[in-house]
N, C-alpha and C. Protein backbone atom coordinates (compact mmCIF):
# COMPACT_ATOMS: atom_id res chain seq x y z
N UNK A 1 -18.64 -78.87 75.90
CA UNK A 1 -19.09 -77.70 76.60
C UNK A 1 -20.06 -76.92 75.71
N UNK A 2 -21.23 -76.70 76.23
CA UNK A 2 -22.23 -75.97 75.47
C UNK A 2 -22.13 -74.48 75.76
N UNK A 3 -22.18 -73.70 74.69
CA UNK A 3 -22.16 -72.24 74.85
C UNK A 3 -23.58 -71.74 75.04
N UNK A 4 -23.74 -70.69 75.82
CA UNK A 4 -25.08 -70.16 76.03
C UNK A 4 -25.64 -69.58 74.72
N UNK A 5 -26.96 -69.55 74.65
CA UNK A 5 -27.65 -69.05 73.46
C UNK A 5 -27.29 -67.59 73.19
N UNK A 6 -27.03 -66.79 74.24
CA UNK A 6 -26.72 -65.39 74.04
C UNK A 6 -25.40 -65.21 73.29
N UNK A 7 -24.48 -66.17 73.43
CA UNK A 7 -23.20 -66.10 72.72
C UNK A 7 -23.44 -66.10 71.21
N UNK A 8 -24.33 -66.98 70.74
CA UNK A 8 -24.63 -67.05 69.30
C UNK A 8 -25.35 -65.78 68.85
N UNK A 9 -26.19 -65.26 69.69
CA UNK A 9 -26.93 -64.04 69.35
C UNK A 9 -25.98 -62.86 69.19
N UNK A 10 -24.99 -62.74 70.08
CA UNK A 10 -24.02 -61.65 69.98
C UNK A 10 -23.16 -61.80 68.73
N UNK A 11 -22.76 -63.04 68.41
CA UNK A 11 -21.95 -63.25 67.22
C UNK A 11 -22.72 -62.91 65.95
N UNK A 12 -24.00 -63.28 65.89
CA UNK A 12 -24.78 -62.98 64.69
C UNK A 12 -25.03 -61.48 64.58
N UNK A 13 -25.21 -60.79 65.71
CA UNK A 13 -25.39 -59.35 65.68
C UNK A 13 -24.11 -58.66 65.22
N UNK A 14 -22.98 -59.10 65.71
CA UNK A 14 -21.69 -58.54 65.29
C UNK A 14 -21.46 -58.77 63.80
N UNK A 15 -21.78 -59.96 63.32
CA UNK A 15 -21.64 -60.26 61.90
C UNK A 15 -22.55 -59.35 61.06
N UNK A 16 -23.78 -59.15 61.50
CA UNK A 16 -24.72 -58.28 60.78
C UNK A 16 -24.22 -56.86 60.74
N UNK A 17 -23.73 -56.35 61.86
CA UNK A 17 -23.21 -54.98 61.91
C UNK A 17 -22.00 -54.83 61.00
N UNK A 18 -21.11 -55.80 61.02
CA UNK A 18 -19.92 -55.76 60.18
C UNK A 18 -20.30 -55.77 58.70
N UNK A 19 -21.23 -56.62 58.34
CA UNK A 19 -21.68 -56.71 56.95
C UNK A 19 -22.34 -55.41 56.50
N UNK A 20 -23.20 -54.85 57.33
CA UNK A 20 -23.86 -53.58 56.98
C UNK A 20 -22.85 -52.44 56.88
N UNK A 21 -21.86 -52.45 57.74
CA UNK A 21 -20.82 -51.41 57.70
C UNK A 21 -20.02 -51.49 56.41
N UNK A 22 -19.66 -52.69 56.00
CA UNK A 22 -18.92 -52.86 54.75
C UNK A 22 -19.77 -52.45 53.55
N UNK A 23 -21.05 -52.78 53.56
CA UNK A 23 -21.94 -52.41 52.46
C UNK A 23 -22.11 -50.89 52.40
N UNK A 24 -22.20 -50.26 53.56
CA UNK A 24 -22.33 -48.80 53.60
C UNK A 24 -21.08 -48.13 53.07
N UNK A 25 -19.90 -48.63 53.45
CA UNK A 25 -18.65 -48.09 52.92
C UNK A 25 -18.59 -48.22 51.41
N UNK A 26 -19.03 -49.35 50.89
CA UNK A 26 -19.03 -49.56 49.44
C UNK A 26 -19.98 -48.58 48.75
N UNK A 27 -21.17 -48.38 49.30
CA UNK A 27 -22.14 -47.43 48.72
C UNK A 27 -21.59 -46.01 48.76
N UNK A 28 -20.97 -45.62 49.86
CA UNK A 28 -20.39 -44.28 49.95
C UNK A 28 -19.26 -44.10 48.95
N UNK A 29 -18.46 -45.12 48.74
CA UNK A 29 -17.37 -45.05 47.78
C UNK A 29 -17.92 -44.87 46.36
N UNK A 30 -18.96 -45.63 46.03
CA UNK A 30 -19.58 -45.50 44.70
C UNK A 30 -20.23 -44.13 44.53
N UNK A 31 -20.85 -43.63 45.57
CA UNK A 31 -21.47 -42.31 45.52
C UNK A 31 -20.41 -41.24 45.30
N UNK A 32 -19.29 -41.36 45.98
CA UNK A 32 -18.20 -40.38 45.87
C UNK A 32 -17.64 -40.35 44.45
N UNK A 33 -17.53 -41.52 43.83
CA UNK A 33 -16.98 -41.60 42.48
C UNK A 33 -17.96 -41.10 41.42
N UNK A 34 -19.26 -41.19 41.68
CA UNK A 34 -20.27 -40.90 40.67
C UNK A 34 -21.18 -39.75 41.09
N UNK A 35 -20.63 -38.76 41.78
CA UNK A 35 -21.41 -37.67 42.33
C UNK A 35 -22.06 -36.81 41.26
N UNK A 36 -21.39 -36.63 40.13
CA UNK A 36 -21.95 -35.81 39.05
C UNK A 36 -23.25 -36.40 38.51
N UNK A 37 -23.30 -37.71 38.32
CA UNK A 37 -24.53 -38.31 37.80
C UNK A 37 -25.63 -38.31 38.85
N UNK A 38 -25.28 -38.40 40.13
CA UNK A 38 -26.28 -38.33 41.19
C UNK A 38 -26.94 -36.95 41.19
N UNK A 39 -26.13 -35.90 41.05
CA UNK A 39 -26.67 -34.54 41.01
C UNK A 39 -27.51 -34.35 39.76
N UNK A 40 -27.05 -34.87 38.62
CA UNK A 40 -27.81 -34.75 37.37
C UNK A 40 -29.15 -35.48 37.49
N UNK A 41 -29.15 -36.67 38.11
CA UNK A 41 -30.40 -37.41 38.31
C UNK A 41 -31.35 -36.65 39.23
N UNK A 42 -30.80 -36.04 40.27
CA UNK A 42 -31.63 -35.27 41.19
C UNK A 42 -32.26 -34.06 40.48
N UNK A 43 -31.49 -33.39 39.64
CA UNK A 43 -32.03 -32.25 38.89
C UNK A 43 -33.10 -32.70 37.90
N UNK A 44 -32.94 -33.89 37.31
CA UNK A 44 -33.95 -34.43 36.40
C UNK A 44 -35.25 -34.71 37.14
N UNK A 45 -35.15 -35.33 38.32
CA UNK A 45 -36.35 -35.62 39.12
C UNK A 45 -37.05 -34.33 39.51
N UNK A 46 -36.27 -33.32 39.90
CA UNK A 46 -36.84 -32.03 40.28
C UNK A 46 -37.57 -31.41 39.10
N UNK A 47 -36.93 -31.43 37.93
CA UNK A 47 -37.55 -30.84 36.73
C UNK A 47 -38.80 -31.61 36.31
N UNK A 48 -38.76 -32.95 36.42
CA UNK A 48 -39.92 -33.77 36.04
C UNK A 48 -41.12 -33.50 36.93
N UNK A 49 -40.87 -33.11 38.17
CA UNK A 49 -41.97 -32.83 39.10
C UNK A 49 -42.39 -31.38 39.10
N UNK A 50 -41.86 -30.62 38.17
CA UNK A 50 -42.29 -29.23 38.03
C UNK A 50 -41.76 -28.29 39.10
N UNK A 51 -40.70 -28.68 39.77
CA UNK A 51 -40.12 -27.83 40.80
C UNK A 51 -39.07 -26.92 40.18
N UNK A 52 -38.75 -25.87 40.87
CA UNK A 52 -37.77 -24.91 40.37
C UNK A 52 -36.37 -25.50 40.45
N UNK A 53 -35.63 -25.40 39.35
CA UNK A 53 -34.27 -25.96 39.32
C UNK A 53 -33.20 -24.89 39.42
N UNK A 54 -33.60 -23.64 39.45
CA UNK A 54 -32.61 -22.57 39.53
C UNK A 54 -32.06 -22.48 40.95
N UNK A 55 -30.76 -22.59 41.05
CA UNK A 55 -30.10 -22.47 42.35
C UNK A 55 -29.64 -21.02 42.48
N UNK A 56 -29.97 -20.35 43.56
CA UNK A 56 -29.60 -18.93 43.69
C UNK A 56 -28.09 -18.74 43.75
N UNK A 57 -27.64 -17.68 43.14
CA UNK A 57 -26.22 -17.33 43.16
C UNK A 57 -25.85 -16.77 44.52
N UNK A 58 -24.64 -17.04 44.94
CA UNK A 58 -24.13 -16.46 46.18
C UNK A 58 -23.64 -15.06 45.92
N UNK A 59 -23.91 -14.18 46.84
CA UNK A 59 -23.43 -12.82 46.70
C UNK A 59 -21.94 -12.80 47.04
N UNK A 60 -21.12 -12.18 46.17
CA UNK A 60 -19.67 -12.16 46.46
C UNK A 60 -19.36 -11.28 47.67
N UNK A 61 -18.36 -11.67 48.40
CA UNK A 61 -17.92 -10.88 49.56
C UNK A 61 -17.10 -9.69 49.10
N UNK A 62 -17.08 -8.67 49.92
CA UNK A 62 -16.27 -7.50 49.61
C UNK A 62 -14.79 -7.85 49.75
N UNK A 63 -13.97 -7.21 48.95
CA UNK A 63 -12.54 -7.44 49.00
C UNK A 63 -11.97 -6.75 50.23
N UNK A 64 -11.09 -7.46 50.92
CA UNK A 64 -10.48 -6.92 52.13
C UNK A 64 -9.58 -5.73 51.79
N UNK A 65 -9.60 -4.73 52.65
CA UNK A 65 -8.73 -3.56 52.46
C UNK A 65 -7.51 -3.62 53.36
N UNK A 66 -7.22 -4.77 53.88
CA UNK A 66 -6.09 -4.92 54.79
C UNK A 66 -4.79 -4.82 54.03
N UNK A 67 -3.77 -4.35 54.70
CA UNK A 67 -2.46 -4.18 54.08
C UNK A 67 -1.45 -5.23 54.53
N UNK A 68 -1.88 -6.18 55.33
CA UNK A 68 -0.96 -7.20 55.81
C UNK A 68 -0.91 -8.39 54.85
N UNK A 69 -0.40 -9.51 55.31
CA UNK A 69 -0.23 -10.69 54.46
C UNK A 69 -1.55 -11.27 53.96
N UNK A 70 -2.64 -11.02 54.67
CA UNK A 70 -3.94 -11.57 54.28
C UNK A 70 -4.61 -10.74 53.19
N UNK A 71 -4.00 -9.66 52.77
CA UNK A 71 -4.62 -8.78 51.78
C UNK A 71 -4.76 -9.47 50.43
N UNK A 72 -3.90 -10.44 50.15
CA UNK A 72 -3.96 -11.12 48.87
C UNK A 72 -4.99 -12.23 48.83
N UNK A 73 -5.55 -12.59 49.98
CA UNK A 73 -6.54 -13.64 50.04
C UNK A 73 -7.82 -13.18 49.35
N UNK A 74 -8.26 -13.92 48.39
CA UNK A 74 -9.54 -13.65 47.76
C UNK A 74 -10.33 -14.95 47.74
N UNK A 75 -11.58 -14.85 48.00
CA UNK A 75 -12.43 -16.03 48.04
C UNK A 75 -12.83 -16.42 46.63
N UNK A 76 -12.72 -17.70 46.33
CA UNK A 76 -13.14 -18.19 45.02
C UNK A 76 -14.63 -18.44 45.08
N UNK A 77 -15.37 -17.80 44.20
CA UNK A 77 -16.82 -17.97 44.17
C UNK A 77 -17.13 -19.13 43.22
N UNK A 78 -17.70 -20.17 43.78
CA UNK A 78 -18.07 -21.33 42.98
C UNK A 78 -19.49 -21.17 42.48
N UNK A 79 -19.79 -21.83 41.39
CA UNK A 79 -21.18 -21.83 40.93
C UNK A 79 -21.99 -22.60 41.98
N UNK A 80 -23.29 -22.37 42.05
CA UNK A 80 -24.10 -23.07 43.06
C UNK A 80 -24.01 -24.59 42.97
N UNK A 81 -23.97 -25.13 41.75
CA UNK A 81 -23.87 -26.58 41.62
C UNK A 81 -22.49 -27.09 42.04
N UNK A 82 -21.44 -26.32 41.75
CA UNK A 82 -20.10 -26.72 42.19
C UNK A 82 -20.01 -26.69 43.71
N UNK A 83 -20.63 -25.70 44.31
CA UNK A 83 -20.62 -25.62 45.78
C UNK A 83 -21.41 -26.78 46.39
N UNK A 84 -22.54 -27.14 45.77
CA UNK A 84 -23.33 -28.27 46.24
C UNK A 84 -22.51 -29.56 46.15
N UNK A 85 -21.79 -29.72 45.04
CA UNK A 85 -20.95 -30.91 44.87
C UNK A 85 -19.85 -30.94 45.93
N UNK A 86 -19.23 -29.79 46.22
CA UNK A 86 -18.18 -29.73 47.22
C UNK A 86 -18.72 -30.11 48.60
N UNK A 87 -19.91 -29.58 48.93
CA UNK A 87 -20.50 -29.89 50.24
C UNK A 87 -20.89 -31.36 50.34
N UNK A 88 -21.45 -31.91 49.26
CA UNK A 88 -21.82 -33.33 49.27
C UNK A 88 -20.58 -34.21 49.42
N UNK A 89 -19.50 -33.83 48.75
CA UNK A 89 -18.25 -34.58 48.86
C UNK A 89 -17.74 -34.56 50.29
N UNK A 90 -17.82 -33.40 50.95
CA UNK A 90 -17.39 -33.30 52.35
C UNK A 90 -18.21 -34.21 53.25
N UNK A 91 -19.53 -34.25 53.04
CA UNK A 91 -20.40 -35.09 53.86
C UNK A 91 -20.08 -36.56 53.66
N UNK A 92 -19.91 -36.98 52.40
CA UNK A 92 -19.58 -38.38 52.11
C UNK A 92 -18.24 -38.74 52.72
N UNK A 93 -17.26 -37.84 52.61
CA UNK A 93 -15.94 -38.11 53.19
C UNK A 93 -16.00 -38.22 54.71
N UNK A 94 -16.76 -37.35 55.36
CA UNK A 94 -16.89 -37.42 56.83
C UNK A 94 -17.57 -38.71 57.25
N UNK A 95 -18.59 -39.14 56.51
CA UNK A 95 -19.27 -40.39 56.85
C UNK A 95 -18.33 -41.57 56.66
N UNK A 96 -17.54 -41.56 55.61
CA UNK A 96 -16.59 -42.64 55.36
C UNK A 96 -15.52 -42.70 56.45
N UNK A 97 -14.99 -41.55 56.83
CA UNK A 97 -13.98 -41.51 57.89
C UNK A 97 -14.58 -42.00 59.21
N UNK A 98 -15.82 -41.61 59.48
CA UNK A 98 -16.48 -42.06 60.70
C UNK A 98 -16.67 -43.56 60.73
N UNK A 99 -17.06 -44.15 59.61
CA UNK A 99 -17.23 -45.61 59.56
C UNK A 99 -15.89 -46.32 59.69
N UNK A 100 -14.86 -45.79 59.04
CA UNK A 100 -13.55 -46.43 59.12
C UNK A 100 -12.97 -46.34 60.53
N UNK A 101 -13.30 -45.29 61.25
CA UNK A 101 -12.78 -45.13 62.61
C UNK A 101 -13.41 -46.12 63.58
N UNK A 102 -14.59 -46.57 63.29
CA UNK A 102 -15.26 -47.51 64.19
C UNK A 102 -14.85 -48.91 63.87
C-alpha cells in the first residue's frame, strides 16, 4: 500500500517543528542560566558603540499611611540592572512555559 505524498510532507513538517521546538527550549535554558553574562555583553556592545549606558533610577513610591494589615508592605527598590534581569527572567520563563505547554 502506497502512502500519499502529503503524508510524508506532514511527517517531515512535524519533525522539523519538533526539532526547532527542542532547540529553542535548549537555547532558552542556556540563556536563563547565563543571564548575567548576556547583560554584561549587551552593556559592552552599547559602550563600544558610544551609546549611553546609564540606566535611569526608578523613583521610590511613597510609603502607605494605612493602618491595616497592608501598612507593613514596603516595595523593594531594585537597581535598574537588577530589575532588567528580573524582567528578562520573567520573559524567558514565560516563553519556556509556553513551549512546554504546546
